[in-house]
Full PDB file with SEQRES, HELIX, SHEET, SSBOND, CRYST1, ORIGX, SCALE, CONECT and MASTER records, all heavy atoms in Angstrom:
SEQRES   1 A   41  ASP GLY LEU LYS LEU THR VAL ALA ALA LYS ARG THR SER          
SEQRES   2 A   41  ASP GLU GLN ILE GLU ASP ARG TRP LEU THR VAL LEU ALA          
SEQRES   3 A   41  GLU LEU TRP GLU GLU PHE LEU THR LYS ASN ALA SER HIS          
SEQRES   4 A   41  PHE SER                                                      
HELIX    1 AA1 ASP A   19  LYS A   35  1                                  17    
CRYST1    1.000    1.000    1.000  90.00  90.00  90.00 P 1           1          
ORIGX1      1.000000  0.000000  0.000000        0.00000                         
ORIGX2      0.000000  1.000000  0.000000        0.00000                         
ORIGX3      0.000000  0.000000  1.000000        0.00000                         
SCALE1      1.000000  0.000000  0.000000        0.00000                         
SCALE2      0.000000  1.000000  0.000000        0.00000                         
SCALE3      0.000000  0.000000  1.000000        0.00000                         
ATOM      1  N   ASP A   1      50.445  50.852 -64.008  1.00  0.00           N  
ATOM      2  CA  ASP A   1      49.959  51.954 -63.139  1.00  0.00           C  
ATOM      3  C   ASP A   1      51.163  52.801 -62.715  1.00  0.00           C  
ATOM      4  O   ASP A   1      52.128  52.248 -62.228  1.00  0.00           O  
ATOM      5  CB  ASP A   1      49.259  51.354 -61.920  1.00  0.00           C  
ATOM      6  CG  ASP A   1      48.629  52.457 -61.063  1.00  0.00           C  
ATOM      7  OD1 ASP A   1      48.412  53.531 -61.588  1.00  0.00           O  
ATOM      8  OD2 ASP A   1      48.421  52.175 -59.854  1.00  0.00           O  
ATOM      9  N   GLY A   2      51.017  54.077 -62.851  1.00  0.00           N  
ATOM     10  CA  GLY A   2      52.152  55.001 -62.441  1.00  0.00           C  
ATOM     11  C   GLY A   2      52.774  55.690 -63.656  1.00  0.00           C  
ATOM     12  O   GLY A   2      53.584  56.620 -63.401  1.00  0.00           O  
ATOM     13  N   LEU A   3      52.503  55.282 -64.828  1.00  0.00           N  
ATOM     14  CA  LEU A   3      53.149  55.907 -66.042  1.00  0.00           C  
ATOM     15  C   LEU A   3      52.542  57.318 -66.181  1.00  0.00           C  
ATOM     16  O   LEU A   3      51.331  57.537 -66.384  1.00  0.00           O  
ATOM     17  CB  LEU A   3      52.875  55.118 -67.264  1.00  0.00           C  
ATOM     18  CG  LEU A   3      53.397  55.687 -68.553  1.00  0.00           C  
ATOM     19  CD1 LEU A   3      54.949  55.940 -68.484  1.00  0.00           C  
ATOM     20  CD2 LEU A   3      53.125  54.721 -69.705  1.00  0.00           C  
ATOM     21  N   LYS A   4      53.421  58.311 -66.149  1.00  0.00           N  
ATOM     22  CA  LYS A   4      52.968  59.706 -66.208  1.00  0.00           C  
ATOM     23  C   LYS A   4      54.046  60.544 -66.863  1.00  0.00           C  
ATOM     24  O   LYS A   4      55.260  60.283 -66.712  1.00  0.00           O  
ATOM     25  CB  LYS A   4      52.644  60.256 -64.829  1.00  0.00           C  
ATOM     26  CG  LYS A   4      52.045  61.611 -64.835  1.00  0.00           C  
ATOM     27  CD  LYS A   4      51.732  62.065 -63.378  1.00  0.00           C  
ATOM     28  CE  LYS A   4      51.063  63.512 -63.421  1.00  0.00           C  
ATOM     29  NZ  LYS A   4      50.792  63.984 -62.017  1.00  0.00           N  
ATOM     30  N   LEU A   5      53.690  61.534 -67.558  1.00  0.00           N  
ATOM     31  CA  LEU A   5      54.573  62.486 -68.313  1.00  0.00           C  
ATOM     32  C   LEU A   5      54.632  63.800 -67.580  1.00  0.00           C  
ATOM     33  O   LEU A   5      53.591  64.377 -67.242  1.00  0.00           O  
ATOM     34  CB  LEU A   5      54.187  62.666 -69.739  1.00  0.00           C  
ATOM     35  CG  LEU A   5      54.902  63.766 -70.547  1.00  0.00           C  
ATOM     36  CD1 LEU A   5      56.390  63.364 -70.702  1.00  0.00           C  
ATOM     37  CD2 LEU A   5      54.279  63.950 -71.898  1.00  0.00           C  
ATOM     38  N   THR A   6      55.866  64.305 -67.355  1.00  0.00           N  
ATOM     39  CA  THR A   6      56.061  65.587 -66.855  1.00  0.00           C  
ATOM     40  C   THR A   6      56.963  66.413 -67.808  1.00  0.00           C  
ATOM     41  O   THR A   6      58.055  65.902 -68.230  1.00  0.00           O  
ATOM     42  CB  THR A   6      56.771  65.588 -65.425  1.00  0.00           C  
ATOM     43  OG1 THR A   6      55.941  64.770 -64.616  1.00  0.00           O  
ATOM     44  CG2 THR A   6      56.932  66.917 -64.869  1.00  0.00           C  
ATOM     45  N   VAL A   7      56.549  67.598 -68.183  1.00  0.00           N  
ATOM     46  CA  VAL A   7      57.282  68.496 -69.064  1.00  0.00           C  
ATOM     47  C   VAL A   7      58.045  69.518 -68.195  1.00  0.00           C  
ATOM     48  O   VAL A   7      57.453  70.214 -67.368  1.00  0.00           O  
ATOM     49  CB  VAL A   7      56.347  69.232 -70.039  1.00  0.00           C  
ATOM     50  CG1 VAL A   7      57.162  70.023 -71.055  1.00  0.00           C  
ATOM     51  CG2 VAL A   7      55.507  68.178 -70.810  1.00  0.00           C  
ATOM     52  N   ALA A   8      59.339  69.549 -68.384  1.00  0.00           N  
ATOM     53  CA  ALA A   8      60.201  70.445 -67.567  1.00  0.00           C  
ATOM     54  C   ALA A   8      61.073  71.250 -68.494  1.00  0.00           C  
ATOM     55  O   ALA A   8      61.316  70.913 -69.663  1.00  0.00           O  
ATOM     56  CB  ALA A   8      61.063  69.645 -66.547  1.00  0.00           C  
ATOM     57  N   ALA A   9      61.627  72.391 -67.920  1.00  0.00           N  
ATOM     58  CA  ALA A   9      62.521  73.205 -68.717  1.00  0.00           C  
ATOM     59  C   ALA A   9      63.843  72.525 -68.960  1.00  0.00           C  
ATOM     60  O   ALA A   9      64.396  71.900 -68.034  1.00  0.00           O  
ATOM     61  CB  ALA A   9      62.677  74.557 -68.060  1.00  0.00           C  
ATOM     62  N   LYS A  10      64.322  72.640 -70.153  1.00  0.00           N  
ATOM     63  CA  LYS A  10      65.652  72.046 -70.515  1.00  0.00           C  
ATOM     64  C   LYS A  10      66.788  72.830 -69.825  1.00  0.00           C  
ATOM     65  O   LYS A  10      66.852  74.064 -69.902  1.00  0.00           O  
ATOM     66  CB  LYS A  10      65.819  71.973 -71.990  1.00  0.00           C  
ATOM     67  CG  LYS A  10      67.058  71.231 -72.413  1.00  0.00           C  
ATOM     68  CD  LYS A  10      67.195  71.239 -73.956  1.00  0.00           C  
ATOM     69  CE  LYS A  10      66.017  70.441 -74.580  1.00  0.00           C  
ATOM     70  NZ  LYS A  10      66.187  70.308 -76.044  1.00  0.00           N  
ATOM     71  N   ARG A  11      67.680  72.105 -69.241  1.00  0.00           N  
ATOM     72  CA  ARG A  11      68.745  72.752 -68.490  1.00  0.00           C  
ATOM     73  C   ARG A  11      69.791  73.429 -69.424  1.00  0.00           C  
ATOM     74  O   ARG A  11      70.282  74.490 -69.130  1.00  0.00           O  
ATOM     75  CB  ARG A  11      69.498  71.773 -67.584  1.00  0.00           C  
ATOM     76  CG  ARG A  11      68.570  71.042 -66.568  1.00  0.00           C  
ATOM     77  CD  ARG A  11      69.484  70.052 -65.848  1.00  0.00           C  
ATOM     78  NE  ARG A  11      68.595  69.225 -64.904  1.00  0.00           N  
ATOM     79  CZ  ARG A  11      69.089  68.241 -64.198  1.00  0.00           C  
ATOM     80  NH1 ARG A  11      70.379  67.874 -64.269  1.00  0.00           N  
ATOM     81  NH2 ARG A  11      68.254  67.487 -63.436  1.00  0.00           N  
ATOM     82  N   THR A  12      70.026  72.776 -70.487  1.00  0.00           N  
ATOM     83  CA  THR A  12      71.047  73.292 -71.459  1.00  0.00           C  
ATOM     84  C   THR A  12      70.541  74.369 -72.384  1.00  0.00           C  
ATOM     85  O   THR A  12      71.294  74.891 -73.199  1.00  0.00           O  
ATOM     86  CB  THR A  12      71.561  72.156 -72.317  1.00  0.00           C  
ATOM     87  OG1 THR A  12      70.495  71.519 -72.998  1.00  0.00           O  
ATOM     88  CG2 THR A  12      72.262  71.052 -71.451  1.00  0.00           C  
ATOM     89  N   SER A  13      69.264  74.703 -72.235  1.00  0.00           N  
ATOM     90  CA  SER A  13      68.686  75.740 -73.147  1.00  0.00           C  
ATOM     91  C   SER A  13      69.196  77.118 -72.722  1.00  0.00           C  
ATOM     92  O   SER A  13      69.281  77.462 -71.534  1.00  0.00           O  
ATOM     93  CB  SER A  13      67.160  75.683 -73.085  1.00  0.00           C  
ATOM     94  OG  SER A  13      66.569  76.693 -73.867  1.00  0.00           O  
ATOM     95  N   ASP A  14      69.568  77.949 -73.726  1.00  0.00           N  
ATOM     96  CA  ASP A  14      69.991  79.318 -73.419  1.00  0.00           C  
ATOM     97  C   ASP A  14      68.879  80.228 -72.935  1.00  0.00           C  
ATOM     98  O   ASP A  14      69.044  81.063 -72.061  1.00  0.00           O  
ATOM     99  CB  ASP A  14      70.600  79.939 -74.661  1.00  0.00           C  
ATOM    100  CG  ASP A  14      71.858  79.097 -75.139  1.00  0.00           C  
ATOM    101  OD1 ASP A  14      72.511  78.531 -74.228  1.00  0.00           O  
ATOM    102  OD2 ASP A  14      72.199  79.099 -76.328  1.00  0.00           O  
ATOM    103  N   GLU A  15      67.671  79.934 -73.497  1.00  0.00           N  
ATOM    104  CA  GLU A  15      66.489  80.812 -73.088  1.00  0.00           C  
ATOM    105  C   GLU A  15      65.638  79.994 -72.177  1.00  0.00           C  
ATOM    106  O   GLU A  15      65.318  78.812 -72.445  1.00  0.00           O  
ATOM    107  CB  GLU A  15      65.692  81.221 -74.365  1.00  0.00           C  
ATOM    108  CG  GLU A  15      66.514  82.072 -75.333  1.00  0.00           C  
ATOM    109  CD  GLU A  15      65.732  82.385 -76.568  1.00  0.00           C  
ATOM    110  OE1 GLU A  15      64.527  82.026 -76.584  1.00  0.00           O  
ATOM    111  OE2 GLU A  15      66.228  83.124 -77.448  1.00  0.00           O  
ATOM    112  N   GLN A  16      65.308  80.543 -71.047  1.00  0.00           N  
ATOM    113  CA  GLN A  16      64.429  79.887 -70.102  1.00  0.00           C  
ATOM    114  C   GLN A  16      62.992  80.080 -70.489  1.00  0.00           C  
ATOM    115  O   GLN A  16      62.578  81.210 -70.781  1.00  0.00           O  
ATOM    116  CB  GLN A  16      64.643  80.488 -68.656  1.00  0.00           C  
ATOM    117  CG  GLN A  16      66.013  80.192 -68.108  1.00  0.00           C  
ATOM    118  CD  GLN A  16      66.242  78.707 -67.889  1.00  0.00           C  
ATOM    119  OE1 GLN A  16      65.227  78.007 -67.588  1.00  0.00           O  
ATOM    120  NE2 GLN A  16      67.514  78.277 -68.070  1.00  0.00           N  
ATOM    121  N   ILE A  17      62.282  78.957 -70.541  1.00  0.00           N  
ATOM    122  CA  ILE A  17      60.865  79.005 -70.902  1.00  0.00           C  
ATOM    123  C   ILE A  17      60.037  79.414 -69.715  1.00  0.00           C  
ATOM    124  O   ILE A  17      60.333  79.200 -68.533  1.00  0.00           O  
ATOM    125  CB  ILE A  17      60.424  77.526 -71.289  1.00  0.00           C  
ATOM    126  CG1 ILE A  17      59.019  77.646 -71.957  1.00  0.00           C  
ATOM    127  CG2 ILE A  17      60.524  76.581 -70.197  1.00  0.00           C  
ATOM    128  CD1 ILE A  17      58.590  76.289 -72.515  1.00  0.00           C  
ATOM    129  N   GLU A  18      58.930  80.130 -70.044  1.00  0.00           N  
ATOM    130  CA  GLU A  18      58.028  80.607 -69.006  1.00  0.00           C  
ATOM    131  C   GLU A  18      57.265  79.402 -68.418  1.00  0.00           C  
ATOM    132  O   GLU A  18      56.968  78.400 -69.087  1.00  0.00           O  
ATOM    133  CB  GLU A  18      57.084  81.624 -69.546  1.00  0.00           C  
ATOM    134  CG  GLU A  18      57.757  82.835 -70.134  1.00  0.00           C  
ATOM    135  CD  GLU A  18      56.772  83.858 -70.660  1.00  0.00           C  
ATOM    136  OE1 GLU A  18      55.481  83.600 -70.486  1.00  0.00           O  
ATOM    137  OE2 GLU A  18      57.185  84.775 -71.324  1.00  0.00           O  
ATOM    138  N   ASP A  19      56.983  79.558 -67.163  1.00  0.00           N  
ATOM    139  CA  ASP A  19      56.239  78.407 -66.447  1.00  0.00           C  
ATOM    140  C   ASP A  19      54.864  78.158 -66.999  1.00  0.00           C  
ATOM    141  O   ASP A  19      54.371  77.050 -67.001  1.00  0.00           O  
ATOM    142  CB  ASP A  19      56.097  78.742 -64.928  1.00  0.00           C  
ATOM    143  CG  ASP A  19      57.477  78.728 -64.239  1.00  0.00           C  
ATOM    144  OD1 ASP A  19      58.438  78.154 -64.813  1.00  0.00           O  
ATOM    145  OD2 ASP A  19      57.575  79.374 -63.159  1.00  0.00           O  
ATOM    146  N   ARG A  20      54.248  79.205 -67.520  1.00  0.00           N  
ATOM    147  CA  ARG A  20      52.869  79.000 -68.095  1.00  0.00           C  
ATOM    148  C   ARG A  20      52.905  78.080 -69.307  1.00  0.00           C  
ATOM    149  O   ARG A  20      51.929  77.350 -69.552  1.00  0.00           O  
ATOM    150  CB  ARG A  20      52.257  80.361 -68.443  1.00  0.00           C  
ATOM    151  CG  ARG A  20      52.945  81.133 -69.567  1.00  0.00           C  
ATOM    152  CD  ARG A  20      52.283  82.471 -69.789  1.00  0.00           C  
ATOM    153  NE  ARG A  20      52.889  83.156 -70.907  1.00  0.00           N  
ATOM    154  CZ  ARG A  20      52.368  83.099 -72.130  1.00  0.00           C  
ATOM    155  NH1 ARG A  20      51.339  82.382 -72.375  1.00  0.00           N  
ATOM    156  NH2 ARG A  20      52.889  83.821 -73.118  1.00  0.00           N  
ATOM    157  N   TRP A  21      54.009  78.125 -70.093  1.00  0.00           N  
ATOM    158  CA  TRP A  21      54.059  77.210 -71.240  1.00  0.00           C  
ATOM    159  C   TRP A  21      54.210  75.801 -70.814  1.00  0.00           C  
ATOM    160  O   TRP A  21      53.702  74.900 -71.536  1.00  0.00           O  
ATOM    161  CB  TRP A  21      55.215  77.640 -72.192  1.00  0.00           C  
ATOM    162  CG  TRP A  21      55.018  78.917 -72.922  1.00  0.00           C  
ATOM    163  CD1 TRP A  21      55.741  80.056 -72.812  1.00  0.00           C  
ATOM    164  CD2 TRP A  21      53.938  79.241 -73.796  1.00  0.00           C  
ATOM    165  NE1 TRP A  21      55.206  81.058 -73.635  1.00  0.00           N  
ATOM    166  CE2 TRP A  21      54.107  80.547 -74.238  1.00  0.00           C  
ATOM    167  CE3 TRP A  21      52.801  78.528 -74.253  1.00  0.00           C  
ATOM    168  CZ2 TRP A  21      53.232  81.162 -75.152  1.00  0.00           C  
ATOM    169  CZ3 TRP A  21      51.897  79.109 -75.168  1.00  0.00           C  
ATOM    170  CH2 TRP A  21      52.122  80.392 -75.599  1.00  0.00           C  
ATOM    171  N   LEU A  22      54.884  75.552 -69.771  1.00  0.00           N  
ATOM    172  CA  LEU A  22      54.939  74.167 -69.201  1.00  0.00           C  
ATOM    173  C   LEU A  22      53.551  73.667 -68.840  1.00  0.00           C  
ATOM    174  O   LEU A  22      53.200  72.480 -69.116  1.00  0.00           O  
ATOM    175  CB  LEU A  22      55.899  74.096 -68.058  1.00  0.00           C  
ATOM    176  CG  LEU A  22      57.340  74.537 -68.249  1.00  0.00           C  
ATOM    177  CD1 LEU A  22      58.138  74.445 -66.948  1.00  0.00           C  
ATOM    178  CD2 LEU A  22      57.986  73.613 -69.291  1.00  0.00           C  
ATOM    179  N   THR A  23      52.762  74.520 -68.292  1.00  0.00           N  
ATOM    180  CA  THR A  23      51.389  74.124 -67.922  1.00  0.00           C  
ATOM    181  C   THR A  23      50.538  73.884 -69.143  1.00  0.00           C  
ATOM    182  O   THR A  23      49.769  72.965 -69.271  1.00  0.00           O  
ATOM    183  CB  THR A  23      50.816  75.192 -67.031  1.00  0.00           C  
ATOM    184  OG1 THR A  23      51.569  75.413 -65.867  1.00  0.00           O  
ATOM    185  CG2 THR A  23      49.367  74.739 -66.600  1.00  0.00           C  
ATOM    186  N   VAL A  24      50.755  74.792 -70.168  1.00  0.00           N  
ATOM    187  CA  VAL A  24      49.986  74.636 -71.413  1.00  0.00           C  
ATOM    188  C   VAL A  24      50.366  73.338 -72.151  1.00  0.00           C  
ATOM    189  O   VAL A  24      49.490  72.618 -72.600  1.00  0.00           O  
ATOM    190  CB  VAL A  24      50.305  75.808 -72.319  1.00  0.00           C  
ATOM    191  CG1 VAL A  24      49.665  75.605 -73.675  1.00  0.00           C  
ATOM    192  CG2 VAL A  24      49.693  77.099 -71.705  1.00  0.00           C  
ATOM    193  N   LEU A  25      51.624  72.981 -72.174  1.00  0.00           N  
ATOM    194  CA  LEU A  25      52.039  71.746 -72.786  1.00  0.00           C  
ATOM    195  C   LEU A  25      51.434  70.511 -72.113  1.00  0.00           C  
ATOM    196  O   LEU A  25      50.986  69.555 -72.742  1.00  0.00           O  
ATOM    197  CB  LEU A  25      53.570  71.643 -72.805  1.00  0.00           C  
ATOM    198  CG  LEU A  25      54.284  72.636 -73.728  1.00  0.00           C  
ATOM    199  CD1 LEU A  25      55.750  72.508 -73.592  1.00  0.00           C  
ATOM    200  CD2 LEU A  25      53.879  72.406 -75.183  1.00  0.00           C  
ATOM    201  N   ALA A  26      51.397  70.504 -70.802  1.00  0.00           N  
ATOM    202  CA  ALA A  26      50.815  69.452 -70.008  1.00  0.00           C  
ATOM    203  C   ALA A  26      49.381  69.326 -70.323  1.00  0.00           C  
ATOM    204  O   ALA A  26      48.782  68.218 -70.436  1.00  0.00           O  
ATOM    205  CB  ALA A  26      51.121  69.585 -68.510  1.00  0.00           C  
ATOM    206  N   GLU A  27      48.636  70.464 -70.366  1.00  0.00           N  
ATOM    207  CA  GLU A  27      47.211  70.451 -70.596  1.00  0.00           C  
ATOM    208  C   GLU A  27      46.923  69.953 -72.001  1.00  0.00           C  
ATOM    209  O   GLU A  27      45.888  69.191 -72.194  1.00  0.00           O  
ATOM    210  CB  GLU A  27      46.613  71.789 -70.367  1.00  0.00           C  
ATOM    211  CG  GLU A  27      46.676  72.300 -68.923  1.00  0.00           C  
ATOM    212  CD  GLU A  27      46.169  73.705 -68.691  1.00  0.00           C  
ATOM    213  OE1 GLU A  27      45.942  74.400 -69.792  1.00  0.00           O  
ATOM    214  OE2 GLU A  27      46.008  74.191 -67.602  1.00  0.00           O  
ATOM    215  N   LEU A  28      47.694  70.340 -72.949  1.00  0.00           N  
ATOM    216  CA  LEU A  28      47.453  69.908 -74.379  1.00  0.00           C  
ATOM    217  C   LEU A  28      47.646  68.395 -74.522  1.00  0.00           C  
ATOM    218  O   LEU A  28      46.862  67.760 -75.193  1.00  0.00           O  
ATOM    219  CB  LEU A  28      48.420  70.594 -75.349  1.00  0.00           C  
ATOM    220  CG  LEU A  28      48.265  72.121 -75.562  1.00  0.00           C  
ATOM    221  CD1 LEU A  28      49.330  72.678 -76.368  1.00  0.00           C  
ATOM    222  CD2 LEU A  28      46.828  72.423 -76.066  1.00  0.00           C  
ATOM    223  N   TRP A  29      48.619  67.868 -73.830  1.00  0.00           N  
ATOM    224  CA  TRP A  29      48.753  66.378 -73.903  1.00  0.00           C  
ATOM    225  C   TRP A  29      47.616  65.641 -73.226  1.00  0.00           C  
ATOM    226  O   TRP A  29      47.229  64.625 -73.731  1.00  0.00           O  
ATOM    227  CB  TRP A  29      50.122  66.005 -73.203  1.00  0.00           C  
ATOM    228  CG  TRP A  29      50.451  64.560 -73.226  1.00  0.00           C  
ATOM    229  CD1 TRP A  29      50.477  63.704 -72.119  1.00  0.00           C  
ATOM    230  CD2 TRP A  29      50.735  63.708 -74.352  1.00  0.00           C  
ATOM    231  NE1 TRP A  29      50.788  62.418 -72.562  1.00  0.00           N  
ATOM    232  CE2 TRP A  29      50.964  62.395 -73.837  1.00  0.00           C  
ATOM    233  CE3 TRP A  29      50.801  63.963 -75.737  1.00  0.00           C  
ATOM    234  CZ2 TRP A  29      51.266  61.349 -74.702  1.00  0.00           C  
ATOM    235  CZ3 TRP A  29      51.111  62.893 -76.548  1.00  0.00           C  
ATOM    236  CH2 TRP A  29      51.379  61.644 -76.081  1.00  0.00           C  
ATOM    237  N   GLU A  30      47.152  66.197 -72.125  1.00  0.00           N  
ATOM    238  CA  GLU A  30      46.022  65.562 -71.379  1.00  0.00           C  
ATOM    239  C   GLU A  30      44.718  65.658 -72.288  1.00  0.00           C  
ATOM    240  O   GLU A  30      43.946  64.738 -72.314  1.00  0.00           O  
ATOM    241  CB  GLU A  30      45.770  66.219 -70.110  1.00  0.00           C  
ATOM    242  CG  GLU A  30      46.851  65.913 -69.044  1.00  0.00           C  
ATOM    243  CD  GLU A  30      46.913  64.450 -68.712  1.00  0.00           C  
ATOM    244  OE1 GLU A  30      45.849  63.771 -68.796  1.00  0.00           O  
ATOM    245  OE2 GLU A  30      48.032  63.926 -68.465  1.00  0.00           O  
ATOM    246  N   GLU A  31      44.625  66.768 -73.081  1.00  0.00           N  
ATOM    247  CA  GLU A  31      43.481  66.849 -73.940  1.00  0.00           C  
ATOM    248  C   GLU A  31      43.572  65.877 -75.071  1.00  0.00           C  
ATOM    249  O   GLU A  31      42.518  65.172 -75.379  1.00  0.00           O  
ATOM    250  CB  GLU A  31      43.407  68.281 -74.601  1.00  0.00           C  
ATOM    251  CG  GLU A  31      43.032  69.362 -73.574  1.00  0.00           C  
ATOM    252  CD  GLU A  31      43.037  70.750 -74.236  1.00  0.00           C  
ATOM    253  OE1 GLU A  31      43.285  70.761 -75.484  1.00  0.00           O  
ATOM    254  OE2 GLU A  31      42.898  71.708 -73.516  1.00  0.00           O  
ATOM    255  N   PHE A  32      44.752  65.590 -75.571  1.00  0.00           N  
ATOM    256  CA  PHE A  32      44.875  64.608 -76.611  1.00  0.00           C  
ATOM    257  C   PHE A  32      44.581  63.203 -76.043  1.00  0.00           C  
ATOM    258  O   PHE A  32      43.872  62.397 -76.783  1.00  0.00           O  
ATOM    259  CB  PHE A  32      46.372  64.617 -77.114  1.00  0.00           C  
ATOM    260  CG  PHE A  32      46.740  63.507 -77.929  1.00  0.00           C  
ATOM    261  CD1 PHE A  32      46.315  63.335 -79.281  1.00  0.00           C  
ATOM    262  CD2 PHE A  32      47.475  62.462 -77.427  1.00  0.00           C  
ATOM    263  CE1 PHE A  32      46.643  62.231 -80.049  1.00  0.00           C  
ATOM    264  CE2 PHE A  32      47.875  61.309 -78.256  1.00  0.00           C  
ATOM    265  CZ  PHE A  32      47.451  61.209 -79.540  1.00  0.00           C  
ATOM    266  N   LEU A  33      45.037  62.845 -74.910  1.00  0.00           N  
ATOM    267  CA  LEU A  33      44.786  61.552 -74.297  1.00  0.00           C  
ATOM    268  C   LEU A  33      43.297  61.413 -73.986  1.00  0.00           C  
ATOM    269  O   LEU A  33      42.747  60.269 -74.185  1.00  0.00           O  
ATOM    270  CB  LEU A  33      45.593  61.305 -73.023  1.00  0.00           C  
ATOM    271  CG  LEU A  33      47.111  61.240 -73.222  1.00  0.00           C  
ATOM    272  CD1 LEU A  33      47.823  61.097 -71.872  1.00  0.00           C  
ATOM    273  CD2 LEU A  33      47.497  60.135 -74.155  1.00  0.00           C  
ATOM    274  N   THR A  34      42.626  62.395 -73.613  1.00  0.00           N  
ATOM    275  CA  THR A  34      41.261  62.337 -73.191  1.00  0.00           C  
ATOM    276  C   THR A  34      40.366  62.157 -74.448  1.00  0.00           C  
ATOM    277  O   THR A  34      39.487  61.297 -74.415  1.00  0.00           O  
ATOM    278  CB  THR A  34      40.740  63.644 -72.511  1.00  0.00           C  
ATOM    279  OG1 THR A  34      41.619  63.857 -71.313  1.00  0.00           O  
ATOM    280  CG2 THR A  34      39.327  63.518 -72.113  1.00  0.00           C  
ATOM    281  N   LYS A  35      40.669  62.857 -75.541  1.00  0.00           N  
ATOM    282  CA  LYS A  35      39.891  62.707 -76.731  1.00  0.00           C  
ATOM    283  C   LYS A  35      40.052  61.355 -77.384  1.00  0.00           C  
ATOM    284  O   LYS A  35      39.136  60.734 -77.836  1.00  0.00           O  
ATOM    285  CB  LYS A  35      40.237  63.801 -77.749  1.00  0.00           C  
ATOM    286  CG  LYS A  35      39.485  63.697 -79.031  1.00  0.00           C  
ATOM    287  CD  LYS A  35      39.849  64.713 -80.072  1.00  0.00           C  
ATOM    288  CE  LYS A  35      39.114  64.539 -81.346  1.00  0.00           C  
ATOM    289  NZ  LYS A  35      39.473  65.587 -82.366  1.00  0.00           N  
ATOM    290  N   ASN A  36      41.227  60.799 -77.311  1.00  0.00           N  
ATOM    291  CA  ASN A  36      41.516  59.513 -77.941  1.00  0.00           C  
ATOM    292  C   ASN A  36      41.572  58.353 -76.938  1.00  0.00           C  
ATOM    293  O   ASN A  36      42.221  57.393 -77.163  1.00  0.00           O  
ATOM    294  CB  ASN A  36      42.846  59.576 -78.695  1.00  0.00           C  
ATOM    295  CG  ASN A  36      42.767  60.574 -79.802  1.00  0.00           C  
ATOM    296  OD1 ASN A  36      42.337  60.284 -80.902  1.00  0.00           O  
ATOM    297  ND2 ASN A  36      43.321  61.775 -79.559  1.00  0.00           N  
ATOM    298  N   ALA A  37      40.867  58.569 -75.800  1.00  0.00           N  
ATOM    299  CA  ALA A  37      40.948  57.504 -74.709  1.00  0.00           C  
ATOM    300  C   ALA A  37      40.397  56.188 -75.245  1.00  0.00           C  
ATOM    301  O   ALA A  37      40.933  55.138 -74.843  1.00  0.00           O  
ATOM    302  CB  ALA A  37      40.154  57.974 -73.508  1.00  0.00           C  
ATOM    303  N   SER A  38      39.428  56.144 -76.080  1.00  0.00           N  
ATOM    304  CA  SER A  38      38.877  54.933 -76.564  1.00  0.00           C  
ATOM    305  C   SER A  38      39.598  54.370 -77.748  1.00  0.00           C  
ATOM    306  O   SER A  38      39.212  53.277 -78.245  1.00  0.00           O  
ATOM    307  CB  SER A  38      37.372  55.174 -76.989  1.00  0.00           C  
ATOM    308  OG  SER A  38      37.263  56.150 -77.928  1.00  0.00           O  
ATOM    309  N   HIS A  39      40.550  55.111 -78.262  1.00  0.00           N  
ATOM    310  CA  HIS A  39      41.297  54.641 -79.398  1.00  0.00           C  
ATOM    311  C   HIS A  39      42.800  54.479 -79.204  1.00  0.00           C  
ATOM    312  O   HIS A  39      43.488  53.811 -79.994  1.00  0.00           O  
ATOM    313  CB  HIS A  39      41.153  55.620 -80.626  1.00  0.00           C  
ATOM    314  CG  HIS A  39      39.722  55.979 -80.908  1.00  0.00           C  
ATOM    315  ND1 HIS A  39      38.821  55.076 -81.382  1.00  0.00           N  
ATOM    316  CD2 HIS A  39      39.075  57.174 -80.775  1.00  0.00           C  
ATOM    317  CE1 HIS A  39      37.661  55.701 -81.518  1.00  0.00           C  
ATOM    318  NE2 HIS A  39      37.729  56.927 -81.142  1.00  0.00           N  
ATOM    319  N   PHE A  40      43.334  55.059 -78.111  1.00  0.00           N  
ATOM    320  CA  PHE A  40      44.757  54.952 -77.842  1.00  0.00           C  
ATOM    321  C   PHE A  40      45.007  54.910 -76.349  1.00  0.00           C  
ATOM    322  O   PHE A  40      44.295  55.505 -75.524  1.00  0.00           O  
ATOM    323  CB  PHE A  40      45.474  56.220 -78.392  1.00  0.00           C  
ATOM    324  CG  PHE A  40      46.889  56.326 -77.960  1.00  0.00           C  
ATOM    325  CD1 PHE A  40      47.919  55.616 -78.620  1.00  0.00           C  
ATOM    326  CD2 PHE A  40      47.252  57.109 -76.888  1.00  0.00           C  
ATOM    327  CE1 PHE A  40      49.179  55.719 -78.164  1.00  0.00           C  
ATOM    328  CE2 PHE A  40      48.562  57.253 -76.444  1.00  0.00           C  
ATOM    329  CZ  PHE A  40      49.520  56.551 -77.065  1.00  0.00           C  
ATOM    330  N   SER A  41      45.967  54.083 -76.018  1.00  0.00           N  
ATOM    331  CA  SER A  41      46.436  54.003 -74.621  1.00  0.00           C  
ATOM    332  C   SER A  41      47.847  53.521 -74.593  1.00  0.00           C  
ATOM    333  O   SER A  41      48.335  52.879 -75.563  1.00  0.00           O  
ATOM    334  CB  SER A  41      45.559  52.998 -73.769  1.00  0.00           C  
ATOM    335  OG  SER A  41      45.660  51.736 -74.253  1.00  0.00           O  
TER     336      SER A  41                                                      
MASTER        0    0    0    1    0    0    0    6  335    1    0    4          
END                                                                             
């Protein structure tokens, strides 16, 4: 209990990523876990 993934902008990256892409990446990962909840954990 407590295992969770957070996607953050890389500090060493020359180009700063937009905040909306961080939200999109988190939502895509949650969609993957939700669809495969009965097959993967």
